[in-house]
Protein backbone atom coordinates (compact mmCIF):
# COMPACT_ATOMS: atom_id res chain seq x y z
CA MET A 1 -40.95 0.68 6.96
CA SER A 2 -40.48 0.60 3.38
CA ILE A 3 -37.15 0.93 1.77
CA VAL A 4 -37.92 4.56 0.24
CA GLU A 5 -39.40 5.89 3.52
CA ILE A 6 -35.90 4.76 4.77
CA ILE A 7 -34.21 6.70 2.41
CA GLN A 8 -36.53 9.79 2.96
CA ARG A 9 -36.00 9.79 6.73
CA LYS A 10 -31.93 9.84 6.02
CA ARG A 11 -32.38 12.76 2.88
CA ASP A 12 -34.14 14.89 5.91
CA GLY A 13 -31.47 14.49 8.12
CA GLU A 14 -32.96 11.91 10.77
CA GLU A 15 -31.39 9.07 12.63
CA LEU A 16 -32.09 5.39 11.30
CA SER A 17 -32.54 2.84 13.51
CA ALA A 18 -30.34 -0.36 13.38
CA GLU A 19 -33.54 -2.57 12.44
CA GLU A 20 -33.68 0.04 9.04
CA ILE A 21 -30.13 -0.16 8.78
CA ASP A 22 -30.11 -4.10 8.51
CA GLU A 23 -33.02 -3.83 6.28
CA LEU A 24 -30.77 -1.71 4.03
CA ILE A 25 -27.78 -3.81 4.59
CA LEU A 26 -28.94 -7.41 4.76
CA GLY A 27 -32.25 -7.01 2.39
CA ASP A 28 -32.69 -7.65 -1.14
CA VAL A 29 -32.38 -4.09 -1.65
CA PRO A 30 -31.67 -2.80 -5.41
CA ASP A 31 -28.49 -0.83 -6.06
CA TYR A 32 -30.61 2.45 -7.22
CA GLN A 33 -32.28 2.42 -3.92
CA LEU A 34 -28.68 2.04 -2.24
CA THR A 35 -27.44 4.60 -4.08
CA ALA A 36 -30.07 7.10 -3.20
CA TRP A 37 -29.33 6.10 0.64
CA LEU A 38 -25.70 6.48 0.12
CA MET A 39 -25.94 9.80 -1.72
CA ALA A 40 -28.34 10.94 1.38
CA VAL A 41 -25.69 9.75 3.74
CA TYR A 42 -23.27 11.33 1.94
CA PHE A 43 -24.99 15.13 2.83
CA GLU A 44 -26.43 14.53 5.61
CA GLY A 45 -24.10 12.09 7.83
CA MET A 46 -24.30 9.25 10.49
CA SER A 47 -24.27 9.32 13.90
CA PRO A 48 -22.14 7.23 15.77
CA ARG A 49 -25.32 5.10 16.62
CA GLU A 50 -26.02 4.76 12.70
CA THR A 51 -22.09 4.08 12.03
CA PHE A 52 -21.94 1.29 14.50
CA ALA A 53 -25.02 -0.23 13.51
CA LEU A 54 -23.62 -0.04 9.78
CA THR A 55 -20.36 -1.63 10.53
CA ASP A 56 -22.42 -4.61 12.37
CA ALA A 57 -24.57 -5.27 9.85
CA MET A 58 -21.74 -5.08 7.32
CA VAL A 59 -19.67 -7.59 9.55
CA ARG A 60 -22.89 -9.92 9.86
CA SER A 61 -23.57 -10.17 6.03
CA GLY A 62 -20.75 -13.10 5.80
CA ASP A 63 -18.12 -15.14 7.64
CA GLU A 64 -16.60 -14.12 10.59
CA ILE A 65 -12.85 -15.89 11.77
CA HIS A 66 -12.45 -15.90 14.98
CA LEU A 67 -8.17 -16.09 15.10
CA GLY A 68 -7.75 -15.68 18.80
CA ASP A 69 -10.37 -18.36 19.50
CA ALA A 70 -8.71 -20.81 17.02
CA LEU A 71 -5.03 -20.07 18.55
CA GLY A 72 -6.06 -19.26 22.14
CA ARG A 73 -3.74 -16.03 21.55
CA ARG A 74 -4.24 -12.50 20.93
CA VAL A 75 -3.79 -12.03 17.40
CA VAL A 76 -2.87 -8.45 15.97
CA ASP A 77 -3.31 -6.83 12.40
CA LYS A 78 -2.10 -3.63 10.90
CA HIS A 79 -4.08 -2.02 8.09
CA SER A 80 -2.91 1.53 5.91
CA THR A 81 -5.61 3.62 4.63
CA GLY A 82 -3.25 3.95 1.32
CA GLY A 83 0.07 6.02 0.41
CA VAL A 84 2.63 6.19 -2.04
CA GLY A 85 5.18 3.84 -1.49
CA ASP A 86 4.03 2.51 1.54
CA LYS A 87 5.14 -0.81 2.27
CA ALA A 88 5.22 -1.01 5.62
CA THR A 89 3.27 -4.29 6.16
CA LEU A 90 5.75 -6.39 4.44
CA ALA A 91 8.25 -5.70 7.19
CA VAL A 92 5.75 -5.22 10.18
CA GLY A 93 4.60 -8.49 9.81
CA PRO A 94 7.42 -10.42 9.98
CA VAL A 95 8.77 -8.15 13.01
CA VAL A 96 5.79 -8.87 14.81
CA ALA A 97 5.83 -12.47 14.07
CA ALA A 98 10.10 -12.70 15.24
CA CYS A 99 9.01 -11.30 18.93
CA GLY A 100 6.63 -14.11 19.06
CA VAL A 101 2.88 -12.77 18.52
CA PRO A 102 0.37 -14.12 15.98
CA PHE A 103 0.04 -11.29 12.74
CA GLY A 104 -3.09 -12.63 10.62
CA LYS A 105 -4.07 -9.83 8.37
CA MET A 106 -6.61 -9.95 4.98
CA SER A 107 -5.29 -7.20 2.64
CA GLY A 108 -6.56 -5.67 -0.74
CA ARG A 109 -5.34 -4.82 -4.06
CA GLY A 110 -4.51 -1.33 -5.29
CA LEU A 111 -6.65 1.27 -7.28
CA GLY A 112 -5.48 4.21 -8.37
CA HIS A 113 -2.04 5.72 -7.35
CA THR A 114 -1.61 4.05 -4.03
CA GLY A 115 -0.57 0.22 -4.27
CA GLY A 116 -2.19 -2.72 -2.39
CA THR A 117 -0.40 -5.14 -0.34
CA LEU A 118 -1.54 -7.80 -2.24
CA ASP A 119 -0.22 -6.67 -5.67
CA LYS A 120 3.38 -6.04 -4.09
CA LEU A 121 3.10 -9.98 -2.58
CA GLU A 122 2.06 -11.04 -6.04
CA SER A 123 5.11 -9.80 -7.47
CA ILE A 124 6.97 -12.74 -5.97
CA PRO A 125 7.15 -15.61 -7.86
CA GLY A 126 4.72 -18.32 -6.74
CA PHE A 127 3.16 -16.33 -3.61
CA ARG A 128 -0.40 -17.88 -2.65
CA VAL A 129 -2.85 -14.68 -1.79
CA GLU A 130 -5.85 -17.05 -1.88
CA LEU A 131 -5.88 -19.28 1.20
CA SER A 132 -8.97 -21.13 2.41
CA THR A 133 -10.12 -20.18 6.02
CA ASP A 134 -8.76 -23.25 7.30
CA GLU A 135 -5.58 -22.46 5.84
CA PHE A 136 -5.30 -18.94 6.85
CA VAL A 137 -5.74 -20.18 10.66
CA ALA A 138 -3.61 -23.17 10.45
CA GLN A 139 -0.61 -20.86 9.17
CA VAL A 140 -1.01 -18.25 11.66
CA ARG A 141 -1.08 -20.56 14.26
CA ASP A 142 2.28 -22.57 12.64
CA VAL A 143 4.44 -19.79 11.16
CA GLY A 144 3.12 -16.72 12.99
CA ILE A 145 2.24 -14.67 9.85
CA ALA A 146 -0.13 -14.91 7.10
CA VAL A 147 -1.43 -12.22 4.61
CA VAL A 148 -4.08 -13.16 1.92
CA GLY A 149 -6.44 -11.71 -0.13
CA GLN A 150 -10.18 -11.26 1.22
CA SER A 151 -12.13 -14.04 1.12
CA ALA A 152 -15.25 -13.94 -1.10
CA ASN A 153 -17.78 -14.38 1.56
CA LEU A 154 -16.20 -12.17 3.89
CA VAL A 155 -18.20 -8.69 4.66
CA PRO A 156 -19.70 -9.09 0.77
CA ALA A 157 -22.00 -6.03 1.79
CA ASP A 158 -18.89 -4.05 1.90
CA LYS A 159 -17.90 -5.09 -1.52
CA LYS A 160 -21.57 -4.14 -2.72
CA LEU A 161 -21.46 -0.85 -1.02
CA TYR A 162 -17.87 0.29 -2.11
CA SER A 163 -18.76 -0.61 -5.70
CA LEU A 164 -21.75 1.59 -5.42
CA ARG A 165 -19.32 4.14 -4.04
CA ASP A 166 -16.76 4.27 -6.29
CA VAL A 167 -19.03 5.29 -9.43
CA THR A 168 -21.22 7.48 -7.37
CA ALA A 169 -19.01 10.09 -5.93
CA THR A 170 -19.61 9.16 -2.47
CA VAL A 171 -16.41 7.44 -1.22
CA GLY A 172 -15.49 10.38 1.00
CA ASN A 173 -17.75 10.44 3.80
CA VAL A 174 -16.06 9.52 7.04
CA SER A 175 -18.51 7.37 8.41
CA LEU A 176 -18.60 5.08 5.52
CA ILE A 177 -15.06 5.06 5.03
CA ALA A 178 -14.46 3.95 8.71
CA ALA A 179 -17.54 1.50 8.64
CA SER A 180 -15.97 -0.39 5.19
CA ILE A 181 -12.67 -0.53 6.97
CA MET A 182 -13.38 -1.67 10.23
CA SER A 183 -16.11 -4.11 9.27
CA LYS A 184 -13.05 -5.88 7.16
CA LYS A 185 -10.68 -5.87 9.81
CA ILE A 186 -13.35 -7.29 12.78
CA ALA A 187 -14.80 -9.89 10.47
CA SER A 188 -11.15 -11.11 9.65
CA GLY A 189 -10.82 -12.00 13.18
CA ALA A 190 -7.49 -10.00 14.89
CA ASP A 191 -8.16 -8.97 18.32
CA ALA A 192 -5.87 -5.72 18.29
CA MET A 193 -4.59 -3.78 15.35
CA VAL A 194 -2.92 -0.60 14.61
CA LEU A 195 -4.58 1.72 11.78
CA ASP A 196 -2.06 3.76 9.74
CA VAL A 197 -3.79 6.93 8.44
CA LYS A 198 -2.24 8.71 5.97
CA VAL A 199 -2.73 12.27 5.89
CA GLY A 200 -1.18 14.27 2.81
CA ASP A 201 -0.47 15.01 -1.21
CA GLY A 202 -0.48 11.34 -1.65
CA ALA A 203 -3.53 10.12 0.88
CA PHE A 204 -7.11 10.21 0.61
CA MET A 205 -7.06 12.53 3.69
CA LYS A 206 -5.49 15.69 3.34
CA SER A 207 -5.61 17.29 6.46
CA ILE A 208 -4.80 16.15 10.08
CA GLU A 209 -8.12 17.41 10.89
CA ASP A 210 -9.81 14.91 8.49
CA ALA A 211 -7.06 12.31 9.38
CA ARG A 212 -8.26 12.81 13.27
CA GLU A 213 -11.82 12.65 12.34
CA LEU A 214 -11.56 9.30 10.77
CA ALA A 215 -9.24 7.70 13.45
CA GLU A 216 -11.95 8.98 16.42
CA ALA A 217 -14.58 7.26 14.26
CA MET A 218 -12.38 4.07 13.85
CA ILE A 219 -11.13 3.79 17.19
CA ALA A 220 -14.50 4.26 18.44
CA LEU A 221 -16.24 1.12 16.18
CA GLY A 222 -13.11 -0.83 16.97
CA ARG A 223 -13.94 -0.40 20.84
CA HIS A 224 -17.52 -1.12 20.24
CA ALA A 225 -16.60 -4.67 19.06
CA GLY A 226 -14.41 -5.29 21.60
CA ARG A 227 -11.27 -4.58 19.84
CA ASP A 228 -8.29 -2.68 20.98
CA VAL A 229 -7.52 -0.11 18.09
CA VAL A 230 -4.08 2.64 17.93
CA CYS A 231 -4.02 4.94 15.14
CA GLU A 232 -0.83 6.42 14.08
CA LEU A 233 -1.41 9.65 11.71
CA THR A 234 1.82 9.63 9.27
CA ASP A 235 3.23 11.75 7.02
CA MET A 236 2.13 11.18 2.89
CA GLU A 237 3.19 14.56 1.60
CA GLN A 238 6.04 12.81 0.31
CA PRO A 239 6.32 8.69 -0.34
CA LEU A 240 7.37 6.54 2.16
CA GLY A 241 10.63 5.19 1.75
CA GLN A 242 12.66 5.46 -1.66
CA ALA A 243 10.64 2.70 -3.93
CA VAL A 244 7.21 3.15 -5.61
CA GLY A 245 6.23 0.12 -7.59
CA ASN A 246 5.66 -3.51 -6.21
CA ALA A 247 8.94 -5.66 -6.67
CA LEU A 248 10.97 -2.55 -6.08
CA GLU A 249 8.63 -1.96 -2.94
CA VAL A 250 9.69 -5.93 -1.62
CA ARG A 251 13.55 -5.37 -2.24
CA GLU A 252 13.16 -2.17 0.12
CA ALA A 253 11.09 -3.89 2.51
CA VAL A 254 13.84 -6.61 2.88
CA ALA A 255 16.37 -4.22 3.29
CA THR A 256 14.21 -2.88 6.16
CA LEU A 257 14.43 -6.23 7.92
CA ARG A 258 18.06 -6.52 7.53
CA GLY A 259 18.30 -2.83 9.07
CA GLU A 260 19.26 -1.50 5.70
CA GLY A 261 15.92 0.64 5.00
CA PRO A 262 15.19 4.45 4.61
CA ALA A 263 15.24 6.22 7.89
CA ASP A 264 11.78 7.07 7.59
CA LEU A 265 10.49 3.90 6.55
CA THR A 266 12.57 2.00 9.36
CA HIS A 267 11.21 4.51 11.96
CA LEU A 268 7.37 3.84 11.03
CA VAL A 269 8.01 -0.17 10.93
CA VAL A 270 9.19 0.04 14.39
CA GLU A 271 6.61 2.26 15.93
CA SER A 272 4.00 0.26 14.27
CA CYS A 273 5.77 -3.32 15.82
CA ALA A 274 5.89 -1.16 19.44
CA HIS A 275 2.20 -0.55 19.47
CA LEU A 276 1.26 -4.07 18.26
CA LEU A 277 3.55 -5.66 20.99
CA GLU A 278 2.43 -3.23 23.33
CA LEU A 279 -1.38 -4.57 22.32
CA SER A 280 -0.39 -8.57 22.29
CA ASP A 281 -0.74 -10.88 24.94
CA LEU A 282 3.33 -10.44 25.99
CA GLY A 283 2.54 -8.22 28.52
CA VAL A 284 5.19 -5.49 27.59
CA ASP A 285 4.83 -1.83 27.16
CA LEU A 286 5.73 0.80 24.20
CA ALA A 287 9.19 1.28 25.24
CA GLU A 288 9.86 -2.59 25.74
CA GLY A 289 8.02 -3.44 22.64
CA ARG A 290 10.30 -1.03 20.59
CA ARG A 291 13.42 -2.54 22.14
CA ARG A 292 11.99 -6.12 21.15
CA ALA A 293 11.29 -4.82 17.33
CA GLU A 294 14.50 -3.25 17.26
CA ALA A 295 16.33 -6.64 18.51
CA ALA A 296 14.29 -8.86 15.99
CA ILE A 297 15.65 -6.59 12.89
CA ALA A 298 19.27 -6.41 14.27
CA ASP A 299 19.92 -10.01 15.19
CA GLY A 300 18.34 -11.45 11.82
CA SER A 301 15.22 -13.23 13.31
CA ALA A 302 12.84 -10.63 11.12
CA VAL A 303 14.42 -11.71 7.98
CA ALA A 304 13.99 -15.31 9.09
CA ALA A 305 10.63 -15.05 9.90
CA TYR A 306 9.92 -13.62 6.55
CA GLU A 307 11.44 -16.47 4.21
CA ARG A 308 9.53 -18.70 6.74
CA TRP A 309 6.32 -16.51 5.59
CA ILE A 310 6.94 -16.45 2.04
CA SER A 311 7.80 -20.14 1.90
CA ALA A 312 4.73 -21.10 3.61
CA GLN A 313 2.74 -19.35 1.14
CA GLY A 314 4.29 -21.00 -2.20
CA GLY A 315 6.59 -17.84 -2.86
CA GLU A 316 10.26 -17.45 -3.46
CA PRO A 317 11.94 -15.53 -0.60
CA ASP A 318 15.14 -14.77 -2.37
CA GLU A 319 15.20 -11.43 -3.73
CA ALA A 320 16.94 -12.19 -6.96
CA ALA A 321 13.93 -14.22 -8.19
CA LEU A 322 11.96 -10.58 -8.41
CA ASP A 323 11.35 -9.46 -12.00
CA LYS A 324 13.50 -6.32 -12.83
CA ALA A 325 12.42 -3.99 -15.73
CA PRO A 326 14.25 -3.62 -18.93
CA PHE A 327 15.15 0.36 -18.74
CA VAL A 328 16.42 2.68 -15.82
CA LYS A 329 16.71 6.16 -16.56
CA GLU A 330 18.55 8.23 -13.69
CA ILE A 331 16.88 11.59 -13.24
CA PHE A 332 19.46 14.59 -11.99
CA ALA A 333 19.37 17.70 -10.14
CA PRO A 334 19.29 20.62 -12.16
CA ARG A 335 20.76 22.77 -9.29
CA ASP A 336 22.63 22.75 -6.24
CA GLY A 337 20.32 23.34 -3.33
CA TYR A 338 17.66 21.38 -0.83
CA VAL A 339 15.15 19.16 -1.67
CA ARG A 340 12.48 21.35 -0.21
CA ARG A 341 9.35 19.18 -1.49
CA LEU A 342 8.96 15.85 -3.01
CA GLY A 343 5.58 15.48 -4.20
CA ALA A 344 3.86 12.14 -3.43
CA LEU A 345 0.97 12.47 -5.78
CA PRO A 346 2.75 12.94 -8.85
CA VAL A 347 5.39 10.18 -8.18
CA GLY A 348 2.57 7.59 -7.46
CA LEU A 349 0.85 8.97 -10.56
CA ALA A 350 4.07 8.37 -12.34
CA ALA A 351 3.94 4.97 -11.61
CA LEU A 352 0.58 3.98 -12.29
CA HIS A 353 1.31 5.18 -15.90
CA LEU A 354 4.61 3.25 -16.18
CA GLY A 355 1.84 0.27 -15.28
CA ALA A 356 2.49 -0.19 -11.64
CA GLY A 357 -1.07 0.38 -10.47
CA ARG A 358 -4.20 -0.09 -12.22
CA ARG A 359 -6.86 2.73 -13.04
CA ALA A 360 -9.55 -0.29 -13.11
CA LYS A 361 -9.85 -2.82 -11.28
CA ASP A 362 -9.54 -5.25 -13.50
CA ASP A 363 -5.82 -3.60 -15.24
CA PRO A 364 -3.42 -5.55 -14.89
CA VAL A 365 -0.12 -4.81 -12.80
CA ASP A 366 3.35 -4.65 -14.17
CA HIS A 367 5.25 -5.79 -11.11
CA ALA A 368 8.98 -4.81 -12.34
CA VAL A 369 8.48 -1.21 -12.96
CA GLY A 370 8.13 1.80 -10.82
CA VAL A 371 10.25 4.87 -9.18
CA VAL A 372 13.04 4.94 -6.71
CA CYS A 373 13.23 8.58 -5.32
CA ARG A 374 17.38 8.58 -4.25
CA ARG A 375 16.63 12.04 -2.82
CA LYS A 376 13.59 13.24 -0.69
CA ARG A 377 12.98 16.32 1.83
CA GLY A 378 15.28 17.97 3.35
CA ASP A 379 18.66 16.27 1.72
CA THR A 380 21.31 18.38 -0.12
CA VAL A 381 21.72 17.63 -3.80
CA ASP A 382 24.78 19.02 -6.15
CA GLU A 383 23.89 19.77 -9.94
CA GLY A 384 23.82 16.66 -11.77
CA GLU A 385 23.41 14.36 -9.07
CA PRO A 386 21.24 11.85 -9.34
CA LEU A 387 17.23 12.46 -7.54
CA ALA A 388 15.41 9.49 -8.37
CA GLU A 389 15.63 6.31 -11.25
CA ILE A 390 12.89 5.40 -13.45
CA HIS A 391 12.49 1.78 -14.10
CA ALA A 392 10.45 0.94 -17.06
CA ARG A 393 9.28 -1.55 -19.62
CA THR A 394 9.95 0.71 -22.41
CA GLU A 395 12.22 3.54 -23.19
CA ALA A 396 9.36 6.09 -24.43
CA SER A 397 7.49 5.11 -20.78
CA ALA A 398 10.96 6.14 -18.90
CA ASP A 399 11.23 9.64 -20.60
CA ASP A 400 7.47 10.20 -20.08
CA ALA A 401 7.95 9.31 -16.23
CA ALA A 402 10.95 10.96 -16.02
CA ALA A 403 9.70 14.37 -17.15
CA ALA A 404 6.58 13.63 -14.10
CA VAL A 405 8.88 12.73 -11.68
CA LEU A 406 11.47 15.90 -12.03
CA GLY A 407 8.38 17.69 -11.49
CA ALA A 408 7.49 16.57 -8.09
CA TYR A 409 11.03 17.94 -6.89
CA GLU A 410 11.36 21.29 -5.74
CA ILE A 411 14.36 22.41 -4.99
CA GLY A 412 15.70 25.31 -3.20
CA ASP A 413 18.51 27.33 -1.26
CA GLU A 414 17.08 26.70 2.17
CA ALA A 415 16.36 23.52 4.08
CA PRO A 416 12.50 22.78 4.50
CA PRO A 417 11.10 22.42 7.92
CA GLU A 418 11.44 18.60 9.08
CA ILE A 419 8.34 16.97 9.19
CA PRO A 420 8.17 13.72 11.49
CA ILE A 421 7.16 10.60 9.41
CA VAL A 422 4.58 9.66 12.76
CA LEU A 423 2.32 13.23 13.12
CA GLY A 424 0.44 11.75 16.00
CA VAL A 425 -0.85 8.65 17.82
CA MET A 426 -4.57 8.05 19.21
CA GLY A 427 -5.89 5.59 20.86
CA ALA A 428 -2.91 4.28 22.61
């Protein structure tokens, strides 16, 4: 069957075979035809069988890493769909490694108002995000943890499709999102994974219903590939933790490993670790996994694992080496009351405009700048009390960001309803 006929069948709402999807993904199909097919998928959707076939074809488009086979152990991974201030991976990995479970992750860079794990790690002087496959496997085996950039030949079909989706307004299809995420997770070799699906103002999935749909699709894809998957649905109506910005978030992640992190971030890290330890080969249940994660933070072994990891990849683990912005501007509460809302999206956009993120994929990132939200939803404040800090390169950019961040706060006379950081768990 010709590519035109395949596009026409999908345009008319028909289900494509695995062979037809292979022809699209693995064949030499020009961009304009792939774009037409993506638009048809965006409007007509994909069946579970089509989504399985798409994910499988994307995995087979490049190299695969078999970490578990190489180590003779179950290897775990964590992924987030992206949020404002989401530095959880920087703390989850060391805690899991400190508990004796191998943690191997291939990660990405941020685009827009959500920060990427690699950008945060690159704020650490000397840190190498590019490792060969052999180096990646050896470090997971010897150090217990490695987080690296996606290798050039890992799921190349996803790179091609995503670049087309990004410029043709076809990103927002659950099957395409799920296949993109899970193809990379499956190809990069972890046996079990926790997927953090963000929900709310600062996330791609705005409603809990959409988040559940995406989680169900990813769990099904993982099971189809023989992987164990747990999805946490987590709140992104406000930033996670206090820090938004690369070096600022690294500092907060290390503070969390010392037991000094914000309550919401600490809770999410411990819960994610508990699920990963339950999915590991340790033979522990969720409650024991939680206890071990808390113990690793309390006894200092999590910080020690972080320092070994950063050093192994050429980085300087001492926080004093992290860059600092030359201007720090405080924002003060205009009245007494409760913080009823702190919008994640405007805070993320303020950090983006400061230079902490990138609008286009080739934009440089300023690792020092960002926002620190000292008061968050539910906190009481007095008039004139500091609400947040702007860390900026120039006084003018600090002033612009201060206005935007102040606008993200809503202060009222009554406390808002409490919203837990973990809204639900699926696949456990």
